[in-house]
Amino acid sequence: MLFDLRSRRRRNIVRVVYGGLALLIGLGLVGFGIGTGFNFGGIFTAAANGGGAGGTGNVVLEKALTKAQRRVRADPGSAAAWLAVGTAAYAIAELPANYVPNSGFTKSGFAVLGTVKRAWQHYVALAPAKPSNVFANEVVIAFGSAPGGIQDWATAESAQEIVTQLAPTYSEYEYLAYFAYLAKEISRGDLAAARAVAVAPKAQKNQIAAALENIKTSALGATGATGSTATSSTSTSTSSTTSSTTSSKSST
């Protein structure tokens, strides 16, 4: 699946600004959006602006999840049913009660994301012929990218693999390597890093290779396998070789 290059690129990526080198690579993963048709700002910016569903909207979303869960109970071997559960649960995770901008998911939000994760695991286990890029992006956001998120790197990496399969750009391979390294999947990270360098513009290959090697070294040296320890170690190591790191992965 990792090197399945059948699908065309679906969206543009706003990449990381890498110090004075102006190397645009998406590795910072702070406050960004993903995908076409929805974006990270769609859930968290809306909440910050007082948006999100009201009482009526909440009921609609909850009914959608209940309906999807009934579908799963009736046909647990249906990838479409699990997809419906996952996307419905993620929509509920978007609500202001479940996510506080610039802070993170609330206790209820983490509970809802548990449903998202279970749905994702069942969905990918069923190996749908045409996996959902939207759902995969949502999982990347919730488990690897959201400020205050779960930072479940293994789950984020599994979803990023789908995203990369559907949009095999060097930027997406960089994200895949990033999550794989933080998940301690070093060999998988090496494969993704090699592909990122291989398909990158010639002028950026050396910088990208160095940046990804730095991420790998940080991940190997982190005291924890997942979570904020790995993120902190990565950020510290990256800042020692670049003057500033910002990132945005958003839809256009």
Protein backbone atom coordinates (compact mmCIF):
# COMPACT_ATOMS: atom_id res chain seq x y z
CA MET A 1 0.00 0.00 0.00
CA LEU A 2 2.81 2.41 0.85
CA PHE A 3 4.09 2.66 -2.72
CA ASP A 4 0.77 2.36 -4.52
CA LEU A 5 0.97 5.44 -6.78
CA ARG A 6 -2.26 4.95 -8.71
CA SER A 7 -4.17 8.00 -7.50
CA ARG A 8 -3.71 11.59 -8.63
CA ARG A 9 -2.93 14.51 -6.39
CA ARG A 10 -6.11 15.89 -4.80
CA ARG A 11 -5.05 18.99 -3.03
CA ASN A 12 -2.34 21.60 -2.61
CA ILE A 13 -0.23 21.69 0.54
CA VAL A 14 1.03 24.80 2.23
CA ARG A 15 4.43 23.59 3.38
CA VAL A 16 6.77 24.37 6.24
CA VAL A 17 8.90 27.50 5.97
CA TYR A 18 12.33 26.25 6.97
CA GLY A 19 14.34 29.22 8.27
CA GLY A 20 16.59 31.16 5.97
CA LEU A 21 16.71 28.25 3.55
CA ALA A 22 13.04 28.80 2.74
CA LEU A 23 12.67 25.04 2.56
CA LEU A 24 8.98 24.30 2.47
CA ILE A 25 8.33 21.01 4.19
CA GLY A 26 5.38 20.10 6.28
CA LEU A 27 6.88 18.83 9.52
CA GLY A 28 5.84 21.23 12.26
CA LEU A 29 2.20 20.09 12.33
CA VAL A 30 0.89 22.95 14.42
CA GLY A 31 -2.48 24.48 13.76
CA PHE A 32 -3.11 23.31 10.23
CA GLY A 33 -5.89 21.94 8.10
CA ILE A 34 -5.97 18.93 5.86
CA GLY A 35 -7.96 17.94 2.88
CA THR A 36 -10.37 19.10 0.26
CA GLY A 37 -13.93 19.75 1.24
CA PHE A 38 -13.11 20.17 4.92
CA ASN A 39 -10.19 21.48 6.90
CA PHE A 40 -8.77 21.70 10.36
CA GLY A 41 -9.87 25.29 10.60
CA GLY A 42 -13.32 24.06 9.73
CA ILE A 43 -13.66 22.42 13.11
CA PHE A 44 -11.46 24.45 15.38
CA THR A 45 -11.72 27.91 13.85
CA ALA A 46 -15.48 27.58 13.80
CA ALA A 47 -15.45 26.67 17.47
CA ALA A 48 -13.20 29.63 18.25
CA ASN A 49 -15.63 31.94 16.52
CA GLY A 50 -18.56 30.61 18.47
CA GLY A 51 -19.52 28.28 15.64
CA GLY A 52 -20.28 24.62 15.68
CA ALA A 53 -23.65 23.01 15.92
CA GLY A 54 -26.22 24.34 18.33
CA GLY A 55 -28.55 22.18 20.36
CA THR A 56 -30.51 21.13 17.29
CA GLY A 57 -27.33 20.46 15.37
CA ASN A 58 -25.99 18.31 18.19
CA VAL A 59 -29.09 16.14 18.09
CA VAL A 60 -28.76 15.73 14.33
CA LEU A 61 -25.13 14.63 14.64
CA GLU A 62 -25.89 12.23 17.47
CA LYS A 63 -28.75 10.70 15.51
CA ALA A 64 -26.42 10.25 12.55
CA LEU A 65 -23.94 8.40 14.76
CA THR A 66 -26.66 6.23 16.28
CA LYS A 67 -27.92 5.35 12.81
CA ALA A 68 -24.40 4.49 11.66
CA GLN A 69 -23.83 2.31 14.71
CA ARG A 70 -27.03 0.41 13.95
CA ARG A 71 -25.67 -0.22 10.44
CA VAL A 72 -22.46 -1.64 11.91
CA ARG A 73 -24.34 -3.95 14.26
CA ALA A 74 -26.41 -5.21 11.35
CA ASP A 75 -23.42 -5.62 9.03
CA PRO A 76 -20.05 -5.49 10.85
CA GLY A 77 -18.27 -6.58 7.69
CA SER A 78 -19.30 -3.44 5.83
CA ALA A 79 -16.50 -0.93 5.34
CA ALA A 80 -19.11 1.68 4.38
CA ALA A 81 -20.87 1.20 7.71
CA TRP A 82 -17.66 1.70 9.68
CA LEU A 83 -16.86 4.73 7.55
CA ALA A 84 -20.25 6.18 8.47
CA VAL A 85 -19.54 5.61 12.17
CA GLY A 86 -16.10 7.20 11.97
CA THR A 87 -17.15 10.31 10.09
CA ALA A 88 -20.22 10.78 12.26
CA ALA A 89 -18.16 10.48 15.45
CA TYR A 90 -15.56 12.88 14.09
CA ALA A 91 -18.29 15.43 13.36
CA ILE A 92 -19.31 15.20 17.01
CA ALA A 93 -15.67 15.66 18.05
CA GLU A 94 -15.76 18.98 16.20
CA LEU A 95 -18.32 20.46 18.57
CA PRO A 96 -17.19 23.20 20.98
CA ALA A 97 -18.14 21.00 23.94
CA ASN A 98 -15.60 18.45 22.80
CA TYR A 99 -12.75 20.66 21.68
CA VAL A 100 -11.47 23.93 23.13
CA PRO A 101 -9.44 26.01 20.64
CA ASN A 102 -5.79 26.48 21.62
CA SER A 103 -6.30 24.05 24.48
CA GLY A 104 -7.35 20.68 23.19
CA PHE A 105 -9.95 18.01 23.41
CA THR A 106 -12.10 17.83 26.51
CA LYS A 107 -12.80 14.63 28.41
CA SER A 108 -15.92 14.09 26.33
CA GLY A 109 -13.94 14.82 23.18
CA PHE A 110 -11.39 12.13 23.96
CA ALA A 111 -14.23 9.68 24.56
CA VAL A 112 -15.68 10.47 21.13
CA LEU A 113 -12.27 10.04 19.52
CA GLY A 114 -12.19 6.56 20.96
CA THR A 115 -15.15 5.79 18.73
CA VAL A 116 -13.36 7.37 15.77
CA LYS A 117 -10.30 5.19 16.38
CA ARG A 118 -12.29 1.97 16.65
CA ALA A 119 -14.16 2.81 13.46
CA TRP A 120 -10.89 3.56 11.67
CA GLN A 121 -9.29 0.30 12.77
CA HIS A 122 -12.25 -1.74 11.57
CA TYR A 123 -12.47 0.27 8.36
CA VAL A 124 -8.85 -0.25 7.28
CA ALA A 125 -8.93 -3.90 8.38
CA LEU A 126 -11.69 -4.43 5.82
CA ALA A 127 -9.38 -3.01 3.11
CA PRO A 128 -11.91 -0.99 1.09
CA ALA A 129 -11.11 -0.83 -2.63
CA LYS A 130 -11.28 2.96 -2.63
CA PRO A 131 -10.39 4.20 0.87
CA SER A 132 -11.78 7.55 1.96
CA ASN A 133 -9.23 10.34 1.78
CA VAL A 134 -11.54 12.54 3.85
CA PHE A 135 -11.80 10.04 6.70
CA ALA A 136 -8.07 9.34 6.56
CA ASN A 137 -7.34 13.06 6.83
CA GLU A 138 -9.70 13.35 9.78
CA VAL A 139 -7.83 10.59 11.59
CA VAL A 140 -4.49 12.26 10.86
CA ILE A 141 -5.85 15.47 12.36
CA ALA A 142 -7.33 13.92 15.47
CA PHE A 143 -4.49 11.57 16.35
CA GLY A 144 -1.40 13.28 15.01
CA SER A 145 -1.95 16.94 14.33
CA ALA A 146 -4.54 18.60 16.51
CA PRO A 147 -3.18 20.90 19.24
CA GLY A 148 -4.11 19.17 22.46
CA GLY A 149 -4.85 16.00 20.56
CA ILE A 150 -4.16 12.40 21.45
CA GLN A 151 -0.81 12.19 19.67
CA ASP A 152 -1.38 8.55 18.85
CA TRP A 153 1.40 8.41 16.29
CA ALA A 154 0.74 4.85 15.14
CA THR A 155 -2.88 5.62 14.32
CA ALA A 156 -1.91 8.88 12.62
CA GLU A 157 0.73 7.03 10.60
CA SER A 158 -1.76 4.40 9.43
CA ALA A 159 -4.08 7.14 8.20
CA GLN A 160 -1.28 9.18 6.63
CA GLU A 161 -0.34 6.09 4.65
CA ILE A 162 -3.76 6.24 2.97
CA VAL A 163 -3.42 9.98 2.38
CA THR A 164 -0.01 9.44 0.81
CA GLN A 165 -1.28 6.59 -1.34
CA LEU A 166 -3.95 8.90 -2.76
CA ALA A 167 -1.65 11.93 -3.08
CA PRO A 168 1.93 10.65 -3.45
CA THR A 169 3.70 14.00 -3.21
CA TYR A 170 6.99 14.50 -1.44
CA SER A 171 5.23 16.57 1.22
CA GLU A 172 2.89 13.71 2.07
CA TYR A 173 5.81 11.28 2.24
CA GLU A 174 7.47 13.70 4.67
CA TYR A 175 4.42 13.60 6.92
CA LEU A 176 4.35 9.82 6.64
CA ALA A 177 8.00 9.59 7.67
CA TYR A 178 7.39 12.04 10.52
CA PHE A 179 4.56 9.99 12.02
CA ALA A 180 6.33 6.69 11.42
CA TYR A 181 9.46 7.85 13.22
CA LEU A 182 7.47 9.15 16.20
CA ALA A 183 5.59 5.84 16.28
CA LYS A 184 9.00 4.07 16.46
CA GLU A 185 8.32 2.46 13.09
CA ILE A 186 11.83 3.27 11.95
CA SER A 187 12.01 1.03 8.89
CA ARG A 188 8.68 2.39 7.64
CA GLY A 189 9.90 5.89 8.31
CA ASP A 190 13.05 5.19 6.32
CA LEU A 191 10.99 3.98 3.36
CA ALA A 192 8.79 7.06 3.44
CA ALA A 193 11.79 9.38 3.85
CA ALA A 194 13.51 7.77 0.88
CA ARG A 195 10.42 8.29 -1.25
CA ALA A 196 10.13 11.92 -0.09
CA VAL A 197 13.68 12.60 -1.22
CA ALA A 198 13.24 10.67 -4.46
CA VAL A 199 10.21 12.67 -5.63
CA ALA A 200 11.26 16.05 -4.21
CA PRO A 201 12.55 18.86 -6.43
CA LYS A 202 16.28 18.43 -7.08
CA ALA A 203 17.20 21.67 -5.33
CA GLN A 204 15.53 20.51 -2.10
CA LYS A 205 16.62 16.90 -1.89
CA ASN A 206 19.62 17.43 0.40
CA GLN A 207 17.75 19.71 2.79
CA ILE A 208 14.81 17.33 3.00
CA ALA A 209 17.07 14.35 3.61
CA ALA A 210 18.85 16.22 6.41
CA ALA A 211 15.59 17.36 8.02
CA LEU A 212 14.11 13.88 7.99
CA GLU A 213 17.29 12.37 9.39
CA ASN A 214 17.07 14.92 12.19
CA ILE A 215 13.50 13.83 12.93
CA LYS A 216 14.62 10.20 12.97
CA THR A 217 17.47 10.94 15.36
CA SER A 218 15.13 12.85 17.66
CA ALA A 219 12.59 10.05 17.66
CA LEU A 220 15.22 7.44 18.47
CA GLY A 221 16.55 9.59 21.28
CA ALA A 222 13.18 10.39 22.83
CA THR A 223 12.52 8.83 26.22
CA GLY A 224 8.91 8.02 25.34
CA ALA A 225 7.54 6.19 22.33
CA THR A 226 4.55 8.48 21.85
CA GLY A 227 3.02 11.69 23.03
CA SER A 228 4.45 15.04 24.01
CA THR A 229 7.92 13.74 24.92
CA ALA A 230 8.63 12.73 21.36
CA THR A 231 7.12 15.94 20.04
CA SER A 232 9.16 18.09 22.42
CA SER A 233 12.38 16.27 21.53
CA THR A 234 11.68 16.68 17.84
CA SER A 235 10.90 20.37 18.17
CA THR A 236 14.02 21.04 20.20
CA SER A 237 16.29 19.18 17.81
CA THR A 238 14.76 20.84 14.76
CA SER A 239 15.13 24.32 16.23
CA SER A 240 18.86 23.73 16.73
CA THR A 241 19.39 23.43 12.99
CA THR A 242 16.92 26.02 11.74
CA SER A 243 16.13 29.53 12.88
CA SER A 244 12.39 29.01 12.82
CA THR A 245 9.85 26.34 11.98
CA THR A 246 6.24 27.01 11.10
CA SER A 247 3.82 24.78 9.30
CA SER A 248 0.46 24.78 7.63
CA LYS A 249 -1.20 21.90 5.89
CA SER A 250 -4.46 23.29 4.60
CA SER A 251 -6.99 23.06 1.85
CA THR A 252 -7.31 25.71 -0.82
